[in-house]
Amino acid sequence: MKHWKSESLRLYLVTDNALSKGRTLTDVVTAAVAGGVTCVQLREKNLSSRDFLAQALAIQAVLANTQVPLVINDRIDIALACGADGVHLGQSDLPVAQARRLLPAHVFIGWSVETLADVARAHSLPVNYLGVSPVFATPTKPDTETPWGLEGLRLARQTTALPLVAIGGIHMGNAQEVLQAGADGLAVVSAICSADDPRHAAAQLQALSQAHFQEGH
């Protein structure tokens, strides 16, 4: 059991098997954690329940002796079965209040927000952080609302005190701007999963994030 802390969100890897260039997810996650990833979300939309659980247990084993929490996207049953540290829910997933009732108290909940109305509504929900999704247009999130952009992210920051994880089209070229706009964490998919060297890619993003927060932001 890894205790919830907002610092765990700073460099947040979201997995995507299709973007991993033929490597196994365990290989990508192992390299990314060595590079400094602080949280791993397993997001697999196309696996059977049995295969999803097997993948979750394999990732859990990789993270066992680290302080890096495992978050399961969408599937409360998989999160319970593998003993995950957190779950992440979208607008069309199980409602947060019902999920909270099903989950042990120590399991934290993230929730994707697509509009400022979602951000405002989060104040009355038992969530630990918000995923601002997507910040920039990205093929990994094709079914979501209009991108927030940096100005939208700033407005979200002004609307809530909850930790904000920015996701969608984030890479080394724009990560600094995203942090300056108010994100507490960078969620990345292809910038690590598709990198030639996931460890190096993670280390670069981790160094940028660390420098930002050490400056007292």
N, C-alpha and C. Protein backbone atom coordinates (compact mmCIF):
# COMPACT_ATOMS: atom_id res chain seq x y z
N MET A 1 0.84 -1.19 0.00
CA MET A 1 0.00 0.00 0.00
C MET A 1 0.88 1.25 0.00
N LYS A 2 0.68 2.11 -0.99
CA LYS A 2 1.45 3.34 -1.09
C LYS A 2 0.53 4.52 -0.75
N HIS A 3 0.94 5.30 0.21
CA HIS A 3 0.07 6.38 0.67
C HIS A 3 -0.01 7.49 -0.38
N TRP A 4 -1.22 8.00 -0.53
CA TRP A 4 -1.48 9.06 -1.50
C TRP A 4 -0.70 10.32 -1.16
N LYS A 5 -0.01 10.86 -2.14
CA LYS A 5 0.58 12.19 -2.01
C LYS A 5 0.61 12.83 -3.39
N SER A 6 0.36 14.11 -3.42
CA SER A 6 0.22 14.80 -4.72
C SER A 6 1.53 14.81 -5.51
N GLU A 7 2.67 14.70 -4.82
CA GLU A 7 3.96 14.68 -5.52
C GLU A 7 4.08 13.48 -6.45
N SER A 8 3.31 12.44 -6.17
CA SER A 8 3.35 11.25 -7.03
C SER A 8 2.83 11.53 -8.44
N LEU A 9 2.16 12.65 -8.62
CA LEU A 9 1.54 12.96 -9.91
C LEU A 9 2.48 13.69 -10.86
N ARG A 10 3.68 14.05 -10.42
CA ARG A 10 4.48 15.01 -11.19
C ARG A 10 4.88 14.53 -12.57
N LEU A 11 5.25 13.26 -12.68
CA LEU A 11 5.53 12.70 -14.01
C LEU A 11 4.77 11.39 -14.11
N TYR A 12 3.67 11.43 -14.83
CA TYR A 12 2.61 10.43 -14.77
C TYR A 12 2.55 9.72 -16.12
N LEU A 13 3.03 8.49 -16.14
CA LEU A 13 3.01 7.70 -17.38
C LEU A 13 1.67 7.02 -17.56
N VAL A 14 1.07 7.23 -18.73
CA VAL A 14 -0.15 6.50 -19.11
C VAL A 14 0.23 5.52 -20.20
N THR A 15 -0.01 4.25 -19.96
CA THR A 15 0.47 3.24 -20.90
C THR A 15 -0.40 3.14 -22.14
N ASP A 16 0.23 2.73 -23.22
CA ASP A 16 -0.50 2.43 -24.46
C ASP A 16 0.31 1.38 -25.21
N ASN A 17 -0.18 0.16 -25.17
CA ASN A 17 0.54 -0.96 -25.78
C ASN A 17 0.80 -0.72 -27.26
N ALA A 18 -0.17 -0.09 -27.94
CA ALA A 18 -0.05 0.11 -29.39
C ALA A 18 1.07 1.08 -29.75
N LEU A 19 1.49 1.91 -28.79
CA LEU A 19 2.52 2.92 -29.07
C LEU A 19 3.90 2.50 -28.59
N SER A 20 4.02 1.26 -28.10
CA SER A 20 5.26 0.86 -27.43
C SER A 20 6.31 0.24 -28.35
N LYS A 21 6.10 0.34 -29.66
CA LYS A 21 7.09 -0.08 -30.66
C LYS A 21 7.52 -1.54 -30.50
N GLY A 22 6.53 -2.38 -30.17
CA GLY A 22 6.82 -3.81 -30.08
C GLY A 22 7.42 -4.26 -28.77
N ARG A 23 7.74 -3.30 -27.89
CA ARG A 23 8.28 -3.66 -26.57
C ARG A 23 7.13 -4.05 -25.65
N THR A 24 7.43 -4.85 -24.63
CA THR A 24 6.40 -5.18 -23.66
C THR A 24 6.15 -3.97 -22.76
N LEU A 25 4.95 -3.91 -22.22
CA LEU A 25 4.66 -2.80 -21.31
C LEU A 25 5.54 -2.86 -20.07
N THR A 26 5.85 -4.06 -19.60
CA THR A 26 6.71 -4.15 -18.42
C THR A 26 8.10 -3.58 -18.72
N ASP A 27 8.60 -3.81 -19.93
CA ASP A 27 9.90 -3.24 -20.31
C ASP A 27 9.84 -1.71 -20.35
N VAL A 28 8.76 -1.18 -20.93
CA VAL A 28 8.61 0.28 -21.02
C VAL A 28 8.48 0.88 -19.63
N VAL A 29 7.65 0.27 -18.79
CA VAL A 29 7.43 0.80 -17.44
C VAL A 29 8.71 0.71 -16.62
N THR A 30 9.43 -0.40 -16.72
CA THR A 30 10.69 -0.55 -15.98
C THR A 30 11.67 0.56 -16.36
N ALA A 31 11.80 0.81 -17.66
CA ALA A 31 12.70 1.86 -18.13
C ALA A 31 12.23 3.24 -17.69
N ALA A 32 10.92 3.48 -17.79
CA ALA A 32 10.37 4.79 -17.44
C ALA A 32 10.54 5.10 -15.96
N VAL A 33 10.34 4.10 -15.13
CA VAL A 33 10.50 4.29 -13.69
C VAL A 33 11.98 4.55 -13.36
N ALA A 34 12.87 3.84 -14.03
CA ALA A 34 14.31 4.09 -13.84
C ALA A 34 14.66 5.52 -14.23
N GLY A 35 13.93 6.07 -15.19
CA GLY A 35 14.17 7.45 -15.63
C GLY A 35 13.53 8.51 -14.76
N GLY A 36 12.63 8.10 -13.86
CA GLY A 36 12.07 9.08 -12.93
C GLY A 36 10.57 9.26 -12.96
N VAL A 37 9.83 8.40 -13.67
CA VAL A 37 8.37 8.48 -13.64
C VAL A 37 7.88 8.28 -12.20
N THR A 38 6.89 9.06 -11.79
CA THR A 38 6.43 9.03 -10.40
C THR A 38 5.07 8.36 -10.22
N CYS A 39 4.40 8.02 -11.32
CA CYS A 39 3.10 7.36 -11.25
C CYS A 39 2.88 6.63 -12.57
N VAL A 40 2.22 5.48 -12.52
CA VAL A 40 1.94 4.71 -13.75
C VAL A 40 0.46 4.38 -13.78
N GLN A 41 -0.19 4.79 -14.87
CA GLN A 41 -1.59 4.42 -15.10
C GLN A 41 -1.66 3.38 -16.22
N LEU A 42 -2.28 2.26 -15.89
CA LEU A 42 -2.49 1.21 -16.89
C LEU A 42 -3.82 1.48 -17.58
N ARG A 43 -3.72 1.82 -18.87
CA ARG A 43 -4.93 2.12 -19.66
C ARG A 43 -4.93 1.19 -20.86
N GLU A 44 -5.79 0.21 -20.79
CA GLU A 44 -5.89 -0.76 -21.89
C GLU A 44 -7.36 -0.96 -22.23
N LYS A 45 -7.79 -0.36 -23.31
CA LYS A 45 -9.21 -0.38 -23.66
C LYS A 45 -9.63 -1.66 -24.38
N ASN A 46 -8.65 -2.40 -24.91
CA ASN A 46 -9.01 -3.50 -25.80
C ASN A 46 -8.66 -4.89 -25.28
N LEU A 47 -8.29 -5.00 -24.01
CA LEU A 47 -7.94 -6.30 -23.45
C LEU A 47 -9.14 -6.94 -22.77
N SER A 48 -9.18 -8.25 -22.77
CA SER A 48 -10.18 -8.95 -21.97
C SER A 48 -9.88 -8.71 -20.50
N SER A 49 -10.85 -8.98 -19.64
CA SER A 49 -10.64 -8.79 -18.20
C SER A 49 -9.48 -9.63 -17.71
N ARG A 50 -9.39 -10.85 -18.18
CA ARG A 50 -8.32 -11.74 -17.73
C ARG A 50 -6.95 -11.20 -18.14
N ASP A 51 -6.85 -10.74 -19.39
CA ASP A 51 -5.56 -10.22 -19.87
C ASP A 51 -5.21 -8.88 -19.22
N PHE A 52 -6.23 -8.06 -18.97
CA PHE A 52 -6.00 -6.78 -18.30
C PHE A 52 -5.46 -7.03 -16.89
N LEU A 53 -6.05 -7.99 -16.18
CA LEU A 53 -5.58 -8.31 -14.83
C LEU A 53 -4.15 -8.85 -14.87
N ALA A 54 -3.86 -9.70 -15.82
CA ALA A 54 -2.51 -10.25 -15.93
C ALA A 54 -1.50 -9.12 -16.17
N GLN A 55 -1.88 -8.17 -17.03
CA GLN A 55 -1.00 -7.03 -17.30
C GLN A 55 -0.82 -6.18 -16.04
N ALA A 56 -1.93 -5.96 -15.32
CA ALA A 56 -1.87 -5.16 -14.09
C ALA A 56 -0.97 -5.81 -13.05
N LEU A 57 -1.06 -7.11 -12.90
CA LEU A 57 -0.23 -7.82 -11.92
C LEU A 57 1.25 -7.75 -12.31
N ALA A 58 1.51 -7.82 -13.62
CA ALA A 58 2.90 -7.72 -14.09
C ALA A 58 3.48 -6.34 -13.81
N ILE A 59 2.68 -5.29 -14.03
CA ILE A 59 3.14 -3.93 -13.75
C ILE A 59 3.29 -3.72 -12.24
N GLN A 60 2.34 -4.27 -11.49
CA GLN A 60 2.41 -4.17 -10.03
C GLN A 60 3.71 -4.78 -9.51
N ALA A 61 4.12 -5.89 -10.12
CA ALA A 61 5.38 -6.53 -9.71
C ALA A 61 6.58 -5.64 -9.99
N VAL A 62 6.56 -4.94 -11.14
CA VAL A 62 7.65 -4.02 -11.49
C VAL A 62 7.75 -2.89 -10.46
N LEU A 63 6.58 -2.43 -9.96
CA LEU A 63 6.54 -1.28 -9.07
C LEU A 63 6.65 -1.65 -7.59
N ALA A 64 6.70 -2.95 -7.30
CA ALA A 64 6.56 -3.43 -5.92
C ALA A 64 7.54 -2.80 -4.95
N ASN A 65 8.80 -2.64 -5.34
CA ASN A 65 9.82 -2.13 -4.43
C ASN A 65 10.15 -0.67 -4.70
N THR A 66 9.19 0.05 -5.26
CA THR A 66 9.36 1.48 -5.52
C THR A 66 8.27 2.24 -4.77
N GLN A 67 8.35 3.56 -4.82
CA GLN A 67 7.30 4.41 -4.26
C GLN A 67 6.32 4.86 -5.35
N VAL A 68 6.40 4.24 -6.52
CA VAL A 68 5.57 4.64 -7.65
C VAL A 68 4.22 3.93 -7.59
N PRO A 69 3.12 4.67 -7.47
CA PRO A 69 1.81 4.03 -7.39
C PRO A 69 1.32 3.54 -8.75
N LEU A 70 0.52 2.49 -8.70
CA LEU A 70 -0.16 1.97 -9.90
C LEU A 70 -1.60 2.44 -9.88
N VAL A 71 -2.01 3.06 -10.97
CA VAL A 71 -3.38 3.53 -11.15
C VAL A 71 -4.01 2.72 -12.28
N ILE A 72 -5.22 2.26 -12.07
CA ILE A 72 -5.95 1.53 -13.12
C ILE A 72 -6.98 2.45 -13.74
N ASN A 73 -6.98 2.52 -15.05
CA ASN A 73 -7.95 3.34 -15.77
C ASN A 73 -9.29 2.62 -15.85
N ASP A 74 -10.34 3.27 -15.37
CA ASP A 74 -11.71 2.85 -15.63
C ASP A 74 -12.19 1.65 -14.80
N ARG A 75 -11.39 0.59 -14.71
CA ARG A 75 -11.89 -0.70 -14.24
C ARG A 75 -11.69 -0.88 -12.74
N ILE A 76 -12.77 -0.64 -11.99
CA ILE A 76 -12.74 -0.82 -10.54
C ILE A 76 -12.45 -2.27 -10.18
N ASP A 77 -13.01 -3.21 -10.94
CA ASP A 77 -12.82 -4.63 -10.62
C ASP A 77 -11.34 -5.02 -10.76
N ILE A 78 -10.68 -4.52 -11.79
CA ILE A 78 -9.26 -4.82 -11.98
C ILE A 78 -8.43 -4.17 -10.86
N ALA A 79 -8.78 -2.94 -10.51
CA ALA A 79 -8.06 -2.24 -9.44
C ALA A 79 -8.15 -3.02 -8.12
N LEU A 80 -9.33 -3.53 -7.82
CA LEU A 80 -9.51 -4.32 -6.60
C LEU A 80 -8.75 -5.64 -6.69
N ALA A 81 -8.81 -6.27 -7.84
CA ALA A 81 -8.20 -7.60 -8.00
C ALA A 81 -6.68 -7.56 -7.90
N CYS A 82 -6.07 -6.46 -8.36
CA CYS A 82 -4.60 -6.40 -8.36
C CYS A 82 -4.04 -5.60 -7.19
N GLY A 83 -4.94 -5.01 -6.38
CA GLY A 83 -4.48 -4.21 -5.26
C GLY A 83 -3.85 -2.91 -5.69
N ALA A 84 -4.43 -2.25 -6.69
CA ALA A 84 -3.88 -0.99 -7.20
C ALA A 84 -3.95 0.11 -6.15
N ASP A 85 -3.12 1.13 -6.33
CA ASP A 85 -3.07 2.25 -5.41
C ASP A 85 -4.10 3.32 -5.75
N GLY A 86 -4.52 3.36 -7.01
CA GLY A 86 -5.47 4.38 -7.43
C GLY A 86 -6.27 3.94 -8.64
N VAL A 87 -7.33 4.67 -8.92
CA VAL A 87 -8.10 4.46 -10.15
C VAL A 87 -8.29 5.82 -10.81
N HIS A 88 -8.42 5.79 -12.13
CA HIS A 88 -8.71 7.01 -12.87
C HIS A 88 -9.99 6.81 -13.67
N LEU A 89 -10.92 7.73 -13.49
CA LEU A 89 -12.24 7.62 -14.12
C LEU A 89 -12.48 8.77 -15.08
N GLY A 90 -13.14 8.45 -16.19
CA GLY A 90 -13.52 9.45 -17.17
C GLY A 90 -14.98 9.82 -17.02
N GLN A 91 -15.43 10.71 -17.88
CA GLN A 91 -16.81 11.20 -17.79
C GLN A 91 -17.84 10.11 -18.08
N SER A 92 -17.46 9.09 -18.84
CA SER A 92 -18.43 8.03 -19.16
C SER A 92 -18.23 6.77 -18.33
N ASP A 93 -17.31 6.81 -17.37
CA ASP A 93 -17.05 5.65 -16.52
C ASP A 93 -18.00 5.64 -15.32
N LEU A 94 -17.80 4.68 -14.43
CA LEU A 94 -18.59 4.60 -13.21
C LEU A 94 -18.52 5.93 -12.46
N PRO A 95 -19.67 6.45 -11.99
CA PRO A 95 -19.63 7.72 -11.26
C PRO A 95 -18.72 7.65 -10.04
N VAL A 96 -18.07 8.77 -9.77
CA VAL A 96 -17.06 8.82 -8.72
C VAL A 96 -17.62 8.41 -7.36
N ALA A 97 -18.81 8.88 -7.02
CA ALA A 97 -19.37 8.58 -5.70
C ALA A 97 -19.56 7.08 -5.52
N GLN A 98 -20.03 6.40 -6.55
CA GLN A 98 -20.21 4.94 -6.47
C GLN A 98 -18.86 4.23 -6.40
N ALA A 99 -17.90 4.72 -7.17
CA ALA A 99 -16.57 4.12 -7.13
C ALA A 99 -15.96 4.23 -5.74
N ARG A 100 -16.14 5.41 -5.12
CA ARG A 100 -15.59 5.62 -3.78
C ARG A 100 -16.15 4.62 -2.77
N ARG A 101 -17.43 4.29 -2.92
CA ARG A 101 -18.05 3.33 -2.00
C ARG A 101 -17.49 1.93 -2.17
N LEU A 102 -17.07 1.61 -3.38
CA LEU A 102 -16.57 0.26 -3.67
C LEU A 102 -15.10 0.09 -3.30
N LEU A 103 -14.36 1.17 -3.28
CA LEU A 103 -12.91 1.08 -3.12
C LEU A 103 -12.48 1.22 -1.67
N PRO A 104 -11.39 0.55 -1.27
CA PRO A 104 -10.83 0.79 0.05
C PRO A 104 -10.46 2.26 0.21
N ALA A 105 -10.46 2.72 1.46
CA ALA A 105 -10.25 4.15 1.73
C ALA A 105 -8.90 4.66 1.23
N HIS A 106 -7.88 3.80 1.21
CA HIS A 106 -6.54 4.27 0.84
C HIS A 106 -6.36 4.39 -0.68
N VAL A 107 -7.30 3.85 -1.47
CA VAL A 107 -7.17 3.92 -2.93
C VAL A 107 -7.63 5.30 -3.40
N PHE A 108 -6.74 6.02 -4.07
CA PHE A 108 -7.09 7.38 -4.49
C PHE A 108 -7.79 7.37 -5.86
N ILE A 109 -8.52 8.44 -6.12
CA ILE A 109 -9.34 8.54 -7.34
C ILE A 109 -8.97 9.80 -8.11
N GLY A 110 -8.66 9.61 -9.40
CA GLY A 110 -8.50 10.72 -10.32
C GLY A 110 -9.69 10.77 -11.26
N TRP A 111 -10.02 11.96 -11.73
CA TRP A 111 -11.20 12.13 -12.57
C TRP A 111 -10.87 13.07 -13.72
N SER A 112 -11.18 12.64 -14.94
CA SER A 112 -10.93 13.48 -16.12
C SER A 112 -11.98 14.57 -16.23
N VAL A 113 -11.51 15.78 -16.45
CA VAL A 113 -12.42 16.92 -16.64
C VAL A 113 -12.21 17.48 -18.04
N GLU A 114 -13.33 17.73 -18.72
CA GLU A 114 -13.28 18.20 -20.10
C GLU A 114 -13.78 19.63 -20.25
N THR A 115 -14.44 20.16 -19.20
CA THR A 115 -14.97 21.52 -19.23
C THR A 115 -14.79 22.16 -17.86
N LEU A 116 -14.90 23.49 -17.81
CA LEU A 116 -14.82 24.18 -16.51
C LEU A 116 -15.98 23.78 -15.60
N ALA A 117 -17.12 23.43 -16.19
CA ALA A 117 -18.24 22.96 -15.38
C ALA A 117 -17.87 21.67 -14.65
N ASP A 118 -17.11 20.79 -15.33
CA ASP A 118 -16.63 19.57 -14.67
C ASP A 118 -15.73 19.91 -13.49
N VAL A 119 -14.85 20.89 -13.69
CA VAL A 119 -13.92 21.29 -12.63
C VAL A 119 -14.70 21.80 -11.42
N ALA A 120 -15.70 22.62 -11.66
CA ALA A 120 -16.51 23.16 -10.56
C ALA A 120 -17.26 22.04 -9.85
N ARG A 121 -17.76 21.08 -10.63
CA ARG A 121 -18.53 19.96 -10.05
C ARG A 121 -17.65 19.08 -9.18
N ALA A 122 -16.36 19.05 -9.47
CA ALA A 122 -15.44 18.19 -8.72
C ALA A 122 -15.35 18.59 -7.25
N HIS A 123 -15.69 19.84 -6.93
CA HIS A 123 -15.61 20.30 -5.54
C HIS A 123 -16.49 19.46 -4.62
N SER A 124 -17.57 18.93 -5.16
CA SER A 124 -18.51 18.17 -4.33
C SER A 124 -18.32 16.66 -4.46
N LEU A 125 -17.22 16.25 -5.12
CA LEU A 125 -17.00 14.82 -5.35
C LEU A 125 -15.78 14.33 -4.58
N PRO A 126 -15.77 13.04 -4.21
CA PRO A 126 -14.63 12.48 -3.46
C PRO A 126 -13.47 12.11 -4.37
N VAL A 127 -12.87 13.12 -5.01
CA VAL A 127 -11.74 12.87 -5.90
C VAL A 127 -10.47 13.48 -5.31
N ASN A 128 -9.33 12.88 -5.65
CA ASN A 128 -8.04 13.34 -5.13
C ASN A 128 -7.29 14.24 -6.10
N TYR A 129 -7.53 14.06 -7.40
CA TYR A 129 -6.89 14.92 -8.39
C TYR A 129 -7.75 14.94 -9.64
N LEU A 130 -7.49 15.91 -10.50
CA LEU A 130 -8.23 16.04 -11.76
C LEU A 130 -7.27 15.88 -12.93
N GLY A 131 -7.70 15.15 -13.94
CA GLY A 131 -6.97 15.05 -15.19
C GLY A 131 -7.55 16.03 -16.19
N VAL A 132 -6.80 17.07 -16.54
CA VAL A 132 -7.27 18.08 -17.50
C VAL A 132 -7.00 17.52 -18.89
N SER A 133 -8.08 17.21 -19.61
CA SER A 133 -7.96 16.33 -20.77
C SER A 133 -8.84 16.77 -21.94
N PRO A 134 -8.25 16.88 -23.15
CA PRO A 134 -6.82 16.96 -23.44
C PRO A 134 -6.38 18.42 -23.44
N VAL A 135 -5.12 18.66 -23.08
CA VAL A 135 -4.60 20.02 -23.14
C VAL A 135 -4.36 20.43 -24.59
N PHE A 136 -3.74 19.53 -25.34
CA PHE A 136 -3.53 19.74 -26.77
C PHE A 136 -4.16 18.57 -27.53
N ALA A 137 -4.51 18.79 -28.78
CA ALA A 137 -5.08 17.72 -29.60
C ALA A 137 -4.08 16.57 -29.72
N THR A 138 -4.58 15.35 -29.61
CA THR A 138 -3.69 14.19 -29.67
C THR A 138 -4.44 12.97 -30.17
N PRO A 139 -3.80 12.14 -30.99
CA PRO A 139 -4.46 10.93 -31.48
C PRO A 139 -4.72 9.90 -30.39
N THR A 140 -4.07 10.02 -29.20
CA THR A 140 -4.32 9.03 -28.15
C THR A 140 -5.62 9.32 -27.40
N LYS A 141 -6.21 10.50 -27.62
CA LYS A 141 -7.48 10.81 -26.97
C LYS A 141 -8.43 11.42 -28.01
N PRO A 142 -8.87 10.60 -28.98
CA PRO A 142 -9.65 11.13 -30.10
C PRO A 142 -11.11 11.41 -29.78
N ASP A 143 -11.62 10.90 -28.66
CA ASP A 143 -13.05 10.96 -28.40
C ASP A 143 -13.42 12.01 -27.36
N THR A 144 -12.55 12.97 -27.13
CA THR A 144 -12.80 13.95 -26.08
C THR A 144 -13.20 15.30 -26.64
N GLU A 145 -13.48 16.21 -25.73
CA GLU A 145 -13.94 17.54 -26.08
C GLU A 145 -12.83 18.36 -26.76
N THR A 146 -13.17 19.62 -27.07
CA THR A 146 -12.19 20.56 -27.62
C THR A 146 -11.00 20.67 -26.66
N PRO A 147 -9.78 20.69 -27.18
CA PRO A 147 -8.62 20.82 -26.30
C PRO A 147 -8.70 22.07 -25.40
N TRP A 148 -8.20 21.93 -24.17
CA TRP A 148 -8.19 23.03 -23.22
C TRP A 148 -7.26 24.15 -23.66
N GLY A 149 -6.11 23.78 -24.18
CA GLY A 149 -5.08 24.79 -24.45
C GLY A 149 -4.51 25.32 -23.14
N LEU A 150 -3.48 26.14 -23.24
CA LEU A 150 -2.83 26.67 -22.04
C LEU A 150 -3.74 27.63 -21.29
N GLU A 151 -4.53 28.40 -22.01
CA GLU A 151 -5.42 29.35 -21.34
C GLU A 151 -6.52 28.62 -20.57
N GLY A 152 -7.03 27.55 -21.16
CA GLY A 152 -8.02 26.74 -20.46
C GLY A 152 -7.45 26.12 -19.19
N LEU A 153 -6.21 25.66 -19.29
CA LEU A 153 -5.54 25.09 -18.12
C LEU A 153 -5.39 26.14 -17.02
N ARG A 154 -5.06 27.37 -17.40
CA ARG A 154 -4.96 28.45 -16.41
C ARG A 154 -6.30 28.70 -15.72
N LEU A 155 -7.37 28.66 -16.50
CA LEU A 155 -8.70 28.87 -15.93
C LEU A 155 -9.07 27.73 -14.98
N ALA A 156 -8.71 26.50 -15.35
CA ALA A 156 -8.96 25.37 -14.46
C ALA A 156 -8.20 25.54 -13.15
N ARG A 157 -6.96 26.03 -13.26
CA ARG A 157 -6.14 26.26 -12.05
C ARG A 157 -6.80 27.28 -11.13
N GLN A 158 -7.41 28.31 -11.73
CA GLN A 158 -8.07 29.34 -10.94
C GLN A 158 -9.37 28.86 -10.31
N THR A 159 -9.91 27.76 -10.84
CA THR A 159 -11.23 27.28 -10.43
C THR A 159 -11.16 26.26 -9.29
N THR A 160 -10.01 25.64 -9.10
CA THR A 160 -9.93 24.57 -8.09
C THR A 160 -8.57 24.55 -7.40
N ALA A 161 -8.59 24.06 -6.16
CA ALA A 161 -7.34 23.84 -5.43
C ALA A 161 -6.88 22.39 -5.55
N LEU A 162 -7.68 21.54 -6.19
CA LEU A 162 -7.28 20.15 -6.36
C LEU A 162 -6.05 20.05 -7.27
N PRO A 163 -5.20 19.05 -7.05
CA PRO A 163 -4.08 18.85 -7.97
C PRO A 163 -4.57 18.61 -9.40
N LEU A 164 -3.88 19.22 -10.35
CA LEU A 164 -4.24 19.09 -11.77
C LEU A 164 -3.14 18.34 -12.51
N VAL A 165 -3.53 17.27 -13.19
CA VAL A 165 -2.62 16.54 -14.07
C VAL A 165 -3.01 16.85 -15.50
N ALA A 166 -2.09 17.42 -16.24
CA ALA A 166 -2.36 17.77 -17.64
C ALA A 166 -2.02 16.59 -18.53
N ILE A 167 -2.92 16.27 -19.46
CA ILE A 167 -2.68 15.17 -20.40
C ILE A 167 -3.14 15.57 -21.79
N GLY A 168 -2.47 15.04 -22.79
CA GLY A 168 -2.88 15.28 -24.17
C GLY A 168 -1.85 16.08 -24.94
N GLY A 169 -1.03 15.39 -25.72
CA GLY A 169 -0.07 16.06 -26.58
C GLY A 169 1.09 16.71 -25.87
N ILE A 170 1.44 16.22 -24.68
CA ILE A 170 2.51 16.85 -23.90
C ILE A 170 3.84 16.17 -24.17
N HIS A 171 4.88 16.99 -24.39
CA HIS A 171 6.22 16.48 -24.68
C HIS A 171 7.23 17.53 -24.23
N MET A 172 8.51 17.25 -24.44
CA MET A 172 9.55 18.16 -23.96
C MET A 172 9.40 19.58 -24.51
N GLY A 173 8.85 19.69 -25.71
CA GLY A 173 8.75 21.00 -26.34
C GLY A 173 7.71 21.92 -25.72
N ASN A 174 6.73 21.36 -24.99
CA ASN A 174 5.69 22.22 -24.41
C ASN A 174 5.48 22.00 -22.91
N ALA A 175 6.23 21.07 -22.32
CA ALA A 175 6.00 20.70 -20.91
C ALA A 175 6.21 21.89 -19.97
N GLN A 176 7.21 22.72 -20.24
CA GLN A 176 7.48 23.88 -19.37
C GLN A 176 6.29 24.83 -19.35
N GLU A 177 5.72 25.08 -20.51
CA GLU A 177 4.56 25.97 -20.60
C GLU A 177 3.37 25.40 -19.83
N VAL A 178 3.22 24.10 -19.90
CA VAL A 178 2.10 23.43 -19.22
C VAL A 178 2.25 23.58 -17.70
N LEU A 179 3.44 23.39 -17.20
CA LEU A 179 3.68 23.57 -15.76
C LEU A 179 3.47 25.02 -15.34
N GLN A 180 3.94 25.94 -16.17
CA GLN A 180 3.77 27.36 -15.85
C GLN A 180 2.31 27.78 -15.87
N ALA A 181 1.47 27.07 -16.63
CA ALA A 181 0.04 27.38 -16.69
C ALA A 181 -0.72 26.83 -15.49
N GLY A 182 -0.02 26.06 -14.63
CA GLY A 182 -0.67 25.65 -13.39
C GLY A 182 -0.80 24.16 -13.16
N ALA A 183 -0.26 23.33 -14.04
CA ALA A 183 -0.35 21.88 -13.83
C ALA A 183 0.54 21.45 -12.67
N ASP A 184 0.04 20.53 -11.87
CA ASP A 184 0.83 19.92 -10.80
C ASP A 184 1.57 18.69 -11.31
N GLY A 185 1.11 18.16 -12.44
CA GLY A 185 1.75 16.98 -12.99
C GLY A 185 1.60 16.91 -14.49
N LEU A 186 2.54 16.22 -15.12
CA LEU A 186 2.53 16.00 -16.57
C LEU A 186 2.19 14.55 -16.83
N ALA A 187 1.08 14.29 -17.51
CA ALA A 187 0.75 12.93 -17.92
C ALA A 187 1.16 12.77 -19.37
N VAL A 188 1.97 11.76 -19.64
CA VAL A 188 2.47 11.57 -21.00
C VAL A 188 2.20 10.13 -21.44
N VAL A 189 1.95 10.00 -22.72
CA VAL A 189 1.73 8.68 -23.32
C VAL A 189 2.85 8.44 -24.33
N SER A 190 2.69 8.98 -25.54
CA SER A 190 3.64 8.69 -26.61
C SER A 190 5.03 9.26 -26.35
N ALA A 191 5.13 10.36 -25.59
CA ALA A 191 6.44 10.97 -25.34
C ALA A 191 7.38 10.01 -24.61
N ILE A 192 6.82 9.02 -23.91
CA ILE A 192 7.64 7.99 -23.28
C ILE A 192 7.44 6.64 -23.97
N CYS A 193 6.19 6.23 -24.17
CA CYS A 193 5.92 4.89 -24.73
C CYS A 193 6.53 4.72 -26.12
N SER A 194 6.53 5.79 -26.92
CA SER A 194 7.05 5.69 -28.29
C SER A 194 8.48 6.17 -28.43
N ALA A 195 9.09 6.59 -27.33
CA ALA A 195 10.47 7.07 -27.40
C ALA A 195 11.42 5.93 -27.74
N ASP A 196 12.49 6.25 -28.46
CA ASP A 196 13.51 5.24 -28.74
C ASP A 196 14.13 4.73 -27.45
N ASP A 197 14.25 5.63 -26.47
CA ASP A 197 14.83 5.29 -25.17
C ASP A 197 13.89 5.83 -24.08
N PRO A 198 12.92 5.02 -23.64
CA PRO A 198 11.94 5.50 -22.66
C PRO A 198 12.58 6.01 -21.37
N ARG A 199 13.67 5.38 -20.95
CA ARG A 199 14.33 5.84 -19.72
C ARG A 199 14.87 7.26 -19.90
N HIS A 200 15.53 7.51 -21.01
CA HIS A 200 16.09 8.84 -21.27
C HIS A 200 14.97 9.87 -21.41
N ALA A 201 13.90 9.50 -22.11
CA ALA A 201 12.77 10.42 -22.30
C ALA A 201 12.16 10.80 -20.95
N ALA A 202 12.00 9.79 -20.08
CA ALA A 202 11.45 10.05 -18.75
C ALA A 202 12.39 10.93 -17.94
N ALA A 203 13.69 10.67 -18.03
CA ALA A 203 14.68 11.43 -17.27
C ALA A 203 14.67 12.90 -17.68
N GLN A 204 14.52 13.18 -18.96
CA GLN A 204 14.48 14.56 -19.43
C GLN A 204 13.26 15.30 -18.87
N LEU A 205 12.11 14.64 -18.94
CA LEU A 205 10.88 15.26 -18.43
C LEU A 205 10.94 15.41 -16.92
N GLN A 206 11.52 14.43 -16.26
CA GLN A 206 11.63 14.47 -14.80
C GLN A 206 12.52 15.64 -14.36
N ALA A 207 13.63 15.83 -15.07
CA ALA A 207 14.54 16.92 -14.74
C ALA A 207 13.87 18.28 -14.94
N LEU A 208 13.11 18.41 -16.02
CA LEU A 208 12.39 19.66 -16.29
C LEU A 208 11.36 19.92 -15.18
N SER A 209 10.61 18.89 -14.82
CA SER A 209 9.60 19.02 -13.77
C SER A 209 10.24 19.37 -12.43
N GLN A 210 11.30 18.68 -12.10
CA GLN A 210 11.98 18.90 -10.82
C GLN A 210 12.51 20.34 -10.73
N ALA A 211 13.09 20.82 -11.82
CA ALA A 211 13.61 22.18 -11.84
C ALA A 211 12.47 23.19 -11.62
N HIS A 212 11.35 22.94 -12.24
CA HIS A 212 10.19 23.84 -12.11
C HIS A 212 9.75 23.93 -10.65
N PHE A 213 9.59 22.78 -10.00
CA PHE A 213 9.06 22.78 -8.63
C PHE A 213 10.11 23.24 -7.62
N GLN A 214 11.38 23.04 -7.92
CA GLN A 214 12.41 23.53 -7.01
C GLN A 214 12.51 25.05 -7.04
N GLU A 215 12.05 25.65 -8.12
CA GLU A 215 12.04 27.12 -8.20
C GLU A 215 10.92 27.73 -7.38
N GLY A 216 10.13 26.85 -6.74
CA GLY A 216 9.12 27.33 -5.82
C GLY A 216 7.76 27.60 -6.42
N HIS A 217 7.50 26.99 -7.58
CA HIS A 217 6.18 27.18 -8.22
C HIS A 217 5.14 26.38 -7.45
